[in-house]
Amino acid sequence: MRVAAAIEAKLTEAFRPSRLKVTDESHKHIGHAGARPEGESHFHVEIVSAAFAGKSRIERQRLIHAVLAAELASDVHALATKILTPDEDVFT
């Protein structure tokens, strides 16, 4: 899980989240464009951080994409996100 680990490490460093879940969903995309035989091409990220307070949904997504630019340019074909502040997180 080298790509998932890199995603987790970069997001943790950049946003110090109170909750972070990185899920490899590549198995759902076998045979589709961008899917790699070894997996780690399609991810879902749930992140909760105070760093997103006062930011629109688009601004939050841009921040995530900026931090993961290298992965999105190479290994990651698709990235689904759920980006919340601690006040928006119903699981805390």
PDB file of N, CA and C in Angstrom:
ATOM      1  N   MET A   1       0.823  -1.197   0.000  1.00  0.00           N
ATOM      2  CA  MET A   1       0.000   0.000   0.000  1.00  0.00           C
ATOM      3  C   MET A   1       0.865   1.258   0.000  1.00  0.00           C
ATOM      4  N   ARG A   2       1.805   1.330  -0.905  1.00  0.00           N
ATOM      5  CA  ARG A   2       2.709   2.470  -0.877  1.00  0.00           C
ATOM      6  C   ARG A   2       2.020   3.768  -1.264  1.00  0.00           C
ATOM      7  N   VAL A   3       1.080   3.760  -2.214  1.00  0.00           N
ATOM      8  CA  VAL A   3       0.384   4.985  -2.618  1.00  0.00           C
ATOM      9  C   VAL A   3      -0.547   5.435  -1.503  1.00  0.00           C
ATOM     10  N   ALA A   4      -1.302   4.525  -0.932  1.00  0.00           N
ATOM     11  CA  ALA A   4      -2.202   4.858   0.178  1.00  0.00           C
ATOM     12  C   ALA A   4      -1.414   5.438   1.353  1.00  0.00           C
ATOM     13  N   ALA A   5      -0.268   4.861   1.641  1.00  0.00           N
ATOM     14  CA  ALA A   5       0.569   5.348   2.744  1.00  0.00           C
ATOM     15  C   ALA A   5       1.084   6.751   2.460  1.00  0.00           C
ATOM     16  N   ALA A   6       1.453   7.017   1.217  1.00  0.00           N
ATOM     17  CA  ALA A   6       1.918   8.355   0.845  1.00  0.00           C
ATOM     18  C   ALA A   6       0.791   9.373   0.964  1.00  0.00           C
ATOM     19  N   ILE A   7      -0.398   8.993   0.519  1.00  0.00           N
ATOM     20  CA  ILE A   7      -1.555   9.885   0.632  1.00  0.00           C
ATOM     21  C   ILE A   7      -1.819  10.207   2.103  1.00  0.00           C
ATOM     22  N   GLU A   8      -1.836   9.171   2.932  1.00  0.00           N
ATOM     23  CA  GLU A   8      -2.093   9.370   4.355  1.00  0.00           C
ATOM     24  C   GLU A   8      -1.030  10.258   5.007  1.00  0.00           C
ATOM     25  N   ALA A   9       0.220  10.006   4.697  1.00  0.00           N
ATOM     26  CA  ALA A   9       1.314  10.786   5.293  1.00  0.00           C
ATOM     27  C   ALA A   9       1.235  12.257   4.873  1.00  0.00           C
ATOM     28  N   LYS A  10       1.009  12.504   3.597  1.00  0.00           N
ATOM     29  CA  LYS A  10       0.961  13.885   3.110  1.00  0.00           C
ATOM     30  C   LYS A  10      -0.226  14.652   3.670  1.00  0.00           C
ATOM     31  N   LEU A  11      -1.389  14.007   3.718  1.00  0.00           N
ATOM     32  CA  LEU A  11      -2.576  14.684   4.251  1.00  0.00           C
ATOM     33  C   LEU A  11      -2.443  14.930   5.753  1.00  0.00           C
ATOM     34  N   THR A  12      -1.838  13.984   6.461  1.00  0.00           N
ATOM     35  CA  THR A  12      -1.620  14.157   7.899  1.00  0.00           C
ATOM     36  C   THR A  12      -0.686  15.327   8.162  1.00  0.00           C
ATOM     37  N   GLU A  13       0.383  15.393   7.415  1.00  0.00           N
ATOM     38  CA  GLU A  13       1.354  16.482   7.598  1.00  0.00           C
ATOM     39  C   GLU A  13       0.742  17.839   7.250  1.00  0.00           C
ATOM     40  N   ALA A  14       0.003  17.906   6.175  1.00  0.00           N
ATOM     41  CA  ALA A  14      -0.531  19.184   5.699  1.00  0.00           C
ATOM     42  C   ALA A  14      -1.702  19.698   6.530  1.00  0.00           C
ATOM     43  N   PHE A  15      -2.565  18.804   7.012  1.00  0.00           N
ATOM     44  CA  PHE A  15      -3.817  19.246   7.613  1.00  0.00           C
ATOM     45  C   PHE A  15      -4.026  18.834   9.068  1.00  0.00           C
ATOM     46  N   ARG A  16      -3.147  18.005   9.622  1.00  0.00           N
ATOM     47  CA  ARG A  16      -3.284  17.539  11.012  1.00  0.00           C
ATOM     48  C   ARG A  16      -4.737  17.173  11.320  1.00  0.00           C
ATOM     49  N   PRO A  17      -5.280  16.218  10.584  1.00  0.00           N
ATOM     50  CA  PRO A  17      -6.706  15.897  10.728  1.00  0.00           C
ATOM     51  C   PRO A  17      -7.040  15.223  12.061  1.00  0.00           C
ATOM     52  N   SER A  18      -8.271  15.465  12.506  1.00  0.00           N
ATOM     53  CA  SER A  18      -8.765  14.757  13.684  1.00  0.00           C
ATOM     54  C   SER A  18      -9.268  13.374  13.277  1.00  0.00           C
ATOM     55  N   ARG A  19      -9.577  13.227  11.998  1.00  0.00           N
ATOM     56  CA  ARG A  19      -9.967  11.922  11.464  1.00  0.00           C
ATOM     57  C   ARG A  19      -9.537  11.860  10.010  1.00  0.00           C
ATOM     58  N   LEU A  20      -8.959  10.730   9.625  1.00  0.00           N
ATOM     59  CA  LEU A  20      -8.527  10.519   8.245  1.00  0.00           C
ATOM     60  C   LEU A  20      -8.692   9.045   7.912  1.00  0.00           C
ATOM     61  N   LYS A  21      -9.360   8.794   6.800  1.00  0.00           N
ATOM     62  CA  LYS A  21      -9.525   7.425   6.322  1.00  0.00           C
ATOM     63  C   LYS A  21      -9.230   7.415   4.825  1.00  0.00           C
ATOM     64  N   VAL A  22      -8.248   6.640   4.429  1.00  0.00           N
ATOM     65  CA  VAL A  22      -7.874   6.487   3.026  1.00  0.00           C
ATOM     66  C   VAL A  22      -8.236   5.062   2.625  1.00  0.00           C
ATOM     67  N   THR A  23      -9.142   4.935   1.651  1.00  0.00           N
ATOM     68  CA  THR A  23      -9.617   3.631   1.219  1.00  0.00           C
ATOM     69  C   THR A  23      -9.246   3.398  -0.233  1.00  0.00           C
ATOM     70  N   ASP A  24      -8.560   2.291  -0.484  1.00  0.00           N
ATOM     71  CA  ASP A  24      -8.226   1.893  -1.852  1.00  0.00           C
ATOM     72  C   ASP A  24      -9.454   1.204  -2.442  1.00  0.00           C
ATOM     73  N   GLU A  25     -10.066   1.833  -3.430  1.00  0.00           N
ATOM     74  CA  GLU A  25     -11.254   1.282  -4.086  1.00  0.00           C
ATOM     75  C   GLU A  25     -10.947   0.741  -5.479  1.00  0.00           C
ATOM     76  N   SER A  26      -9.677   0.464  -5.729  1.00  0.00           N
ATOM     77  CA  SER A  26      -9.235   0.015  -7.051  1.00  0.00           C
ATOM     78  C   SER A  26      -9.919  -1.273  -7.482  1.00  0.00           C
ATOM     79  N   HIS A  27     -10.230  -2.136  -6.536  1.00  0.00           N
ATOM     80  CA  HIS A  27     -10.864  -3.408  -6.873  1.00  0.00           C
ATOM     81  C   HIS A  27     -12.228  -3.211  -7.542  1.00  0.00           C
ATOM     82  N   LYS A  28     -12.857  -2.071  -7.324  1.00  0.00           N
ATOM     83  CA  LYS A  28     -14.148  -1.773  -7.948  1.00  0.00           C
ATOM     84  C   LYS A  28     -14.006  -1.336  -9.405  1.00  0.00           C
ATOM     85  N   HIS A  29     -12.779  -1.097  -9.836  1.00  0.00           N
ATOM     86  CA  HIS A  29     -12.538  -0.525 -11.160  1.00  0.00           C
ATOM     87  C   HIS A  29     -11.684  -1.409 -12.060  1.00  0.00           C
ATOM     88  N   ILE A  30     -11.554  -2.672 -11.710  1.00  0.00           N
ATOM     89  CA  ILE A  30     -10.768  -3.609 -12.521  1.00  0.00           C
ATOM     90  C   ILE A  30     -11.342  -3.644 -13.935  1.00  0.00           C
ATOM     91  N   GLY A  31     -10.472  -3.479 -14.914  1.00  0.00           N
ATOM     92  CA  GLY A  31     -10.887  -3.487 -16.312  1.00  0.00           C
ATOM     93  C   GLY A  31     -11.300  -2.123 -16.846  1.00  0.00           C
ATOM     94  N   HIS A  32     -11.420  -1.125 -15.966  1.00  0.00           N
ATOM     95  CA  HIS A  32     -11.789   0.222 -16.399  1.00  0.00           C
ATOM     96  C   HIS A  32     -10.533   1.023 -16.750  1.00  0.00           C
ATOM     97  N   ALA A  33     -10.730   2.103 -17.476  1.00  0.00           N
ATOM     98  CA  ALA A  33      -9.617   2.995 -17.836  1.00  0.00           C
ATOM     99  C   ALA A  33      -8.926   3.487 -16.568  1.00  0.00           C
ATOM    100  N   GLY A  34      -7.624   3.496 -16.592  1.00  0.00           N
ATOM    101  CA  GLY A  34      -6.840   4.004 -15.476  1.00  0.00           C
ATOM    102  C   GLY A  34      -6.572   2.991 -14.379  1.00  0.00           C
ATOM    103  N   ALA A  35      -7.249   1.855 -14.413  1.00  0.00           N
ATOM    104  CA  ALA A  35      -7.023   0.823 -13.398  1.00  0.00           C
ATOM    105  C   ALA A  35      -5.717   0.100 -13.699  1.00  0.00           C
ATOM    106  N   ARG A  36      -4.921  -0.082 -12.659  1.00  0.00           N
ATOM    107  CA  ARG A  36      -3.659  -0.795 -12.818  1.00  0.00           C
ATOM    108  C   ARG A  36      -3.807  -2.193 -12.224  1.00  0.00           C
ATOM    109  N   PRO A  37      -3.159  -3.184 -12.804  1.00  0.00           N
ATOM    110  CA  PRO A  37      -3.272  -4.558 -12.285  1.00  0.00           C
ATOM    111  C   PRO A  37      -2.868  -4.675 -10.815  1.00  0.00           C
ATOM    112  N   GLU A  38      -1.908  -3.876 -10.391  1.00  0.00           N
ATOM    113  CA  GLU A  38      -1.447  -3.938  -9.002  1.00  0.00           C
ATOM    114  C   GLU A  38      -2.314  -3.124  -8.050  1.00  0.00           C
ATOM    115  N   GLY A  39      -3.339  -2.453  -8.577  1.00  0.00           N
ATOM    116  CA  GLY A  39      -4.229  -1.652  -7.735  1.00  0.00           C
ATOM    117  C   GLY A  39      -3.653  -0.300  -7.400  1.00  0.00           C
ATOM    118  N   GLU A  40      -4.131   0.269  -6.320  1.00  0.00           N
ATOM    119  CA  GLU A  40      -3.721   1.592  -5.843  1.00  0.00           C
ATOM    120  C   GLU A  40      -3.827   2.658  -6.931  1.00  0.00           C
ATOM    121  N   SER A  41      -4.972   2.695  -7.592  1.00  0.00           N
ATOM    122  CA  SER A  41      -5.212   3.709  -8.610  1.00  0.00           C
ATOM    123  C   SER A  41      -6.471   4.527  -8.339  1.00  0.00           C
ATOM    124  N   HIS A  42      -7.385   3.987  -7.551  1.00  0.00           N
ATOM    125  CA  HIS A  42      -8.658   4.647  -7.246  1.00  0.00           C
ATOM    126  C   HIS A  42      -8.827   4.697  -5.721  1.00  0.00           C
ATOM    127  N   PHE A  43      -8.998   5.900  -5.183  1.00  0.00           N
ATOM    128  CA  PHE A  43      -9.065   6.074  -3.732  1.00  0.00           C
ATOM    129  C   PHE A  43     -10.269   6.904  -3.310  1.00  0.00           C
ATOM    130  N   HIS A  44     -10.686   6.664  -2.083  1.00  0.00           N
ATOM    131  CA  HIS A  44     -11.677   7.504  -1.421  1.00  0.00           C
ATOM    132  C   HIS A  44     -11.031   8.002  -0.134  1.00  0.00           C
ATOM    133  N   VAL A  45     -11.089   9.317   0.083  1.00  0.00           N
ATOM    134  CA  VAL A  45     -10.494   9.927   1.266  1.00  0.00           C
ATOM    135  C   VAL A  45     -11.580  10.633   2.065  1.00  0.00           C
ATOM    136  N   GLU A  46     -11.657  10.312   3.347  1.00  0.00           N
ATOM    137  CA  GLU A  46     -12.487  11.050   4.293  1.00  0.00           C
ATOM    138  C   GLU A  46     -11.529  11.745   5.238  1.00  0.00           C
ATOM    139  N   ILE A  47     -11.647  13.070   5.324  1.00  0.00           N
ATOM    140  CA  ILE A  47     -10.737  13.827   6.172  1.00  0.00           C
ATOM    141  C   ILE A  47     -11.506  14.895   6.927  1.00  0.00           C
ATOM    142  N   VAL A  48     -11.174  15.040   8.203  1.00  0.00           N
ATOM    143  CA  VAL A  48     -11.778  16.052   9.060  1.00  0.00           C
ATOM    144  C   VAL A  48     -10.644  16.872   9.652  1.00  0.00           C
ATOM    145  N   SER A  49     -10.677  18.177   9.391  1.00  0.00           N
ATOM    146  CA  SER A  49      -9.611  19.043   9.888  1.00  0.00           C
ATOM    147  C   SER A  49     -10.128  20.469  10.064  1.00  0.00           C
ATOM    148  N   ALA A  50      -9.645  21.119  11.101  1.00  0.00           N
ATOM    149  CA  ALA A  50      -9.968  22.524  11.327  1.00  0.00           C
ATOM    150  C   ALA A  50      -9.396  23.408  10.218  1.00  0.00           C
ATOM    151  N   ALA A  51      -8.430  22.903   9.477  1.00  0.00           N
ATOM    152  CA  ALA A  51      -7.811  23.672   8.388  1.00  0.00           C
ATOM    153  C   ALA A  51      -8.810  24.017   7.291  1.00  0.00           C
ATOM    154  N   PHE A  52      -9.940  23.318   7.237  1.00  0.00           N
ATOM    155  CA  PHE A  52     -10.929  23.559   6.193  1.00  0.00           C
ATOM    156  C   PHE A  52     -12.016  24.548   6.609  1.00  0.00           C
ATOM    157  N   ALA A  53     -11.956  25.036   7.834  1.00  0.00           N
ATOM    158  CA  ALA A  53     -12.964  25.983   8.322  1.00  0.00           C
ATOM    159  C   ALA A  53     -12.963  27.246   7.468  1.00  0.00           C
ATOM    160  N   GLY A  54     -14.154  27.697   7.109  1.00  0.00           N
ATOM    161  CA  GLY A  54     -14.300  28.921   6.331  1.00  0.00           C
ATOM    162  C   GLY A  54     -14.010  28.765   4.853  1.00  0.00           C
ATOM    163  N   LYS A  55     -13.742  27.549   4.419  1.00  0.00           N
ATOM    164  CA  LYS A  55     -13.419  27.290   3.012  1.00  0.00           C
ATOM    165  C   LYS A  55     -14.612  26.619   2.325  1.00  0.00           C
ATOM    166  N   SER A  56     -14.805  26.969   1.070  1.00  0.00           N
ATOM    167  CA  SER A  56     -15.873  26.336   0.293  1.00  0.00           C
ATOM    168  C   SER A  56     -15.474  24.907  -0.060  1.00  0.00           C
ATOM    169  N   ARG A  57     -16.431  24.168  -0.564  1.00  0.00           N
ATOM    170  CA  ARG A  57     -16.159  22.788  -0.973  1.00  0.00           C
ATOM    171  C   ARG A  57     -15.074  22.740  -2.049  1.00  0.00           C
ATOM    172  N   ILE A  58     -15.137  23.654  -2.985  1.00  0.00           N
ATOM    173  CA  ILE A  58     -14.136  23.718  -4.064  1.00  0.00           C
ATOM    174  C   ILE A  58     -12.759  24.079  -3.506  1.00  0.00           C
ATOM    175  N   GLU A  59     -12.708  25.043  -2.602  1.00  0.00           N
ATOM    176  CA  GLU A  59     -11.426  25.433  -2.005  1.00  0.00           C
ATOM    177  C   GLU A  59     -10.806  24.269  -1.238  1.00  0.00           C
ATOM    178  N   ARG A  60     -11.620  23.518  -0.536  1.00  0.00           N
ATOM    179  CA  ARG A  60     -11.127  22.355   0.211  1.00  0.00           C
ATOM    180  C   ARG A  60     -10.552  21.313  -0.742  1.00  0.00           C
ATOM    181  N   GLN A  61     -11.285  21.066  -1.814  1.00  0.00           N
ATOM    182  CA  GLN A  61     -10.820  20.072  -2.785  1.00  0.00           C
ATOM    183  C   GLN A  61      -9.519  20.520  -3.444  1.00  0.00           C
ATOM    184  N   ARG A  62      -9.413  21.794  -3.743  1.00  0.00           N
ATOM    185  CA  ARG A  62      -8.172  22.319  -4.336  1.00  0.00           C
ATOM    186  C   ARG A  62      -6.990  22.152  -3.394  1.00  0.00           C
ATOM    187  N   LEU A  63      -7.213  22.353  -2.094  1.00  0.00           N
ATOM    188  CA  LEU A  63      -6.141  22.161  -1.121  1.00  0.00           C
ATOM    189  C   LEU A  63      -5.665  20.713  -1.115  1.00  0.00           C
ATOM    190  N   ILE A  64      -6.612  19.780  -1.114  1.00  0.00           N
ATOM    191  CA  ILE A  64      -6.269  18.351  -1.138  1.00  0.00           C
ATOM    192  C   ILE A  64      -5.490  18.024  -2.411  1.00  0.00           C
ATOM    193  N   HIS A  65      -5.985  18.504  -3.542  1.00  0.00           N
ATOM    194  CA  HIS A  65      -5.336  18.206  -4.822  1.00  0.00           C
ATOM    195  C   HIS A  65      -3.935  18.819  -4.897  1.00  0.00           C
ATOM    196  N   ALA A  66      -3.741  19.984  -4.303  1.00  0.00           N
ATOM    197  CA  ALA A  66      -2.412  20.597  -4.295  1.00  0.00           C
ATOM    198  C   ALA A  66      -1.423  19.740  -3.503  1.00  0.00           C
ATOM    199  N   VAL A  67      -1.856  19.231  -2.355  1.00  0.00           N
ATOM    200  CA  VAL A  67      -0.987  18.404  -1.519  1.00  0.00           C
ATOM    201  C   VAL A  67      -0.666  17.074  -2.209  1.00  0.00           C
ATOM    202  N   LEU A  68      -1.631  16.542  -2.951  1.00  0.00           N
ATOM    203  CA  LEU A  68      -1.452  15.241  -3.603  1.00  0.00           C
ATOM    204  C   LEU A  68      -1.127  15.362  -5.093  1.00  0.00           C
ATOM    205  N   ALA A  69      -0.606  16.492  -5.513  1.00  0.00           N
ATOM    206  CA  ALA A  69      -0.344  16.746  -6.940  1.00  0.00           C
ATOM    207  C   ALA A  69       0.535  15.667  -7.573  1.00  0.00           C
ATOM    208  N   ALA A  70       1.579  15.244  -6.895  1.00  0.00           N
ATOM    209  CA  ALA A  70       2.484  14.237  -7.470  1.00  0.00           C
ATOM    210  C   ALA A  70       1.768  12.909  -7.678  1.00  0.00           C
ATOM    211  N   GLU A  71       0.967  12.502  -6.703  1.00  0.00           N
ATOM    212  CA  GLU A  71       0.238  11.236  -6.816  1.00  0.00           C
ATOM    213  C   GLU A  71      -0.827  11.312  -7.909  1.00  0.00           C
ATOM    214  N   LEU A  72      -1.510  12.440  -7.993  1.00  0.00           N
ATOM    215  CA  LEU A  72      -2.555  12.608  -9.012  1.00  0.00           C
ATOM    216  C   LEU A  72      -1.963  12.672 -10.420  1.00  0.00           C
ATOM    217  N   ALA A  73      -0.727  13.097 -10.521  1.00  0.00           N
ATOM    218  CA  ALA A  73      -0.068  13.175 -11.831  1.00  0.00           C
ATOM    219  C   ALA A  73       0.523  11.840 -12.264  1.00  0.00           C
ATOM    220  N   SER A  74       0.607  10.886 -11.338  1.00  0.00           N
ATOM    221  CA  SER A  74       1.237   9.619 -11.706  1.00  0.00           C
ATOM    222  C   SER A  74       0.381   8.409 -11.342  1.00  0.00           C
ATOM    223  N   ASP A  75       0.339   8.035 -10.089  1.00  0.00           N
ATOM    224  CA  ASP A  75      -0.272   6.775  -9.661  1.00  0.00           C
ATOM    225  C   ASP A  75      -1.796   6.795  -9.538  1.00  0.00           C
ATOM    226  N   VAL A  76      -2.362   7.909  -9.111  1.00  0.00           N
ATOM    227  CA  VAL A  76      -3.787   7.966  -8.791  1.00  0.00           C
ATOM    228  C   VAL A  76      -4.596   8.382 -10.015  1.00  0.00           C
ATOM    229  N   HIS A  77      -5.508   7.514 -10.407  1.00  0.00           N
ATOM    230  CA  HIS A  77      -6.388   7.795 -11.550  1.00  0.00           C
ATOM    231  C   HIS A  77      -7.650   8.521 -11.099  1.00  0.00           C
ATOM    232  N   ALA A  78      -8.171   8.163  -9.915  1.00  0.00           N
ATOM    233  CA  ALA A  78      -9.400   8.774  -9.421  1.00  0.00           C
ATOM    234  C   ALA A  78      -9.315   8.956  -7.911  1.00  0.00           C
ATOM    235  N   LEU A  79      -9.830  10.106  -7.463  1.00  0.00           N
ATOM    236  CA  LEU A  79      -9.823  10.423  -6.042  1.00  0.00           C
ATOM    237  C   LEU A  79     -11.184  11.002  -5.666  1.00  0.00           C
ATOM    238  N   ALA A  80     -11.910  10.267  -4.856  1.00  0.00           N
ATOM    239  CA  ALA A  80     -13.177  10.758  -4.310  1.00  0.00           C
ATOM    240  C   ALA A  80     -12.889  11.264  -2.901  1.00  0.00           C
ATOM    241  N   THR A  81     -13.538  12.367  -2.517  1.00  0.00           N
ATOM    242  CA  THR A  81     -13.238  12.950  -1.216  1.00  0.00           C
ATOM    243  C   THR A  81     -14.497  13.321  -0.444  1.00  0.00           C
ATOM    244  N   LYS A  82     -14.363  13.261   0.856  1.00  0.00           N
ATOM    245  CA  LYS A  82     -15.333  13.818   1.789  1.00  0.00           C
ATOM    246  C   LYS A  82     -14.494  14.651   2.744  1.00  0.00           C
ATOM    247  N   ILE A  83     -14.633  15.970   2.666  1.00  0.00           N
ATOM    248  CA  ILE A  83     -13.751  16.891   3.374  1.00  0.00           C
ATOM    249  C   ILE A  83     -14.593  17.732   4.328  1.00  0.00           C
ATOM    250  N   LEU A  84     -14.355  17.573   5.621  1.00  0.00           N
ATOM    251  CA  LEU A  84     -15.173  18.232   6.631  1.00  0.00           C
ATOM    252  C   LEU A  84     -14.333  18.964   7.661  1.00  0.00           C
ATOM    253  N   THR A  85     -14.976  19.904   8.369  1.00  0.00           N
ATOM    254  CA  THR A  85     -14.391  20.506   9.544  1.00  0.00           C
ATOM    255  C   THR A  85     -14.883  19.714  10.752  1.00  0.00           C
ATOM    256  N   PRO A  86     -14.247  19.871  11.909  1.00  0.00           N
ATOM    257  CA  PRO A  86     -14.728  19.148  13.089  1.00  0.00           C
ATOM    258  C   PRO A  86     -16.194  19.450  13.426  1.00  0.00           C
ATOM    259  N   ASP A  87     -16.647  20.670  13.161  1.00  0.00           N
ATOM    260  CA  ASP A  87     -18.053  21.031  13.430  1.00  0.00           C
ATOM    261  C   ASP A  87     -19.012  20.302  12.507  1.00  0.00           C
ATOM    262  N   GLU A  88     -18.564  19.909  11.346  1.00  0.00           N
ATOM    263  CA  GLU A  88     -19.414  19.225  10.365  1.00  0.00           C
ATOM    264  C   GLU A  88     -19.383  17.707  10.520  1.00  0.00           C
ATOM    265  N   ASP A  89     -18.445  17.206  11.286  1.00  0.00           N
ATOM    266  CA  ASP A  89     -18.246  15.758  11.417  1.00  0.00           C
ATOM    267  C   ASP A  89     -19.251  15.180  12.403  1.00  0.00           C
ATOM    268  N   VAL A  90     -20.175  14.394  11.907  1.00  0.00           N
ATOM    269  CA  VAL A  90     -21.204  13.809  12.773  1.00  0.00           C
ATOM    270  C   VAL A  90     -20.681  12.622  13.565  1.00  0.00           C
ATOM    271  N   PHE A  91     -19.455  12.170  13.287  1.00  0.00           N
ATOM    272  CA  PHE A  91     -18.911  10.993  13.946  1.00  0.00           C
ATOM    273  C   PHE A  91     -18.025  11.322  15.148  1.00  0.00           C
ATOM    274  N   THR A  92     -17.866  12.611  15.453  1.00  0.00           N
ATOM    275  CA  THR A  92     -17.002  12.955  16.615  1.00  0.00           C
ATOM    276  C   THR A  92     -17.804  13.129  17.861  1.00  0.00           C
TER     277      THR A  92
END
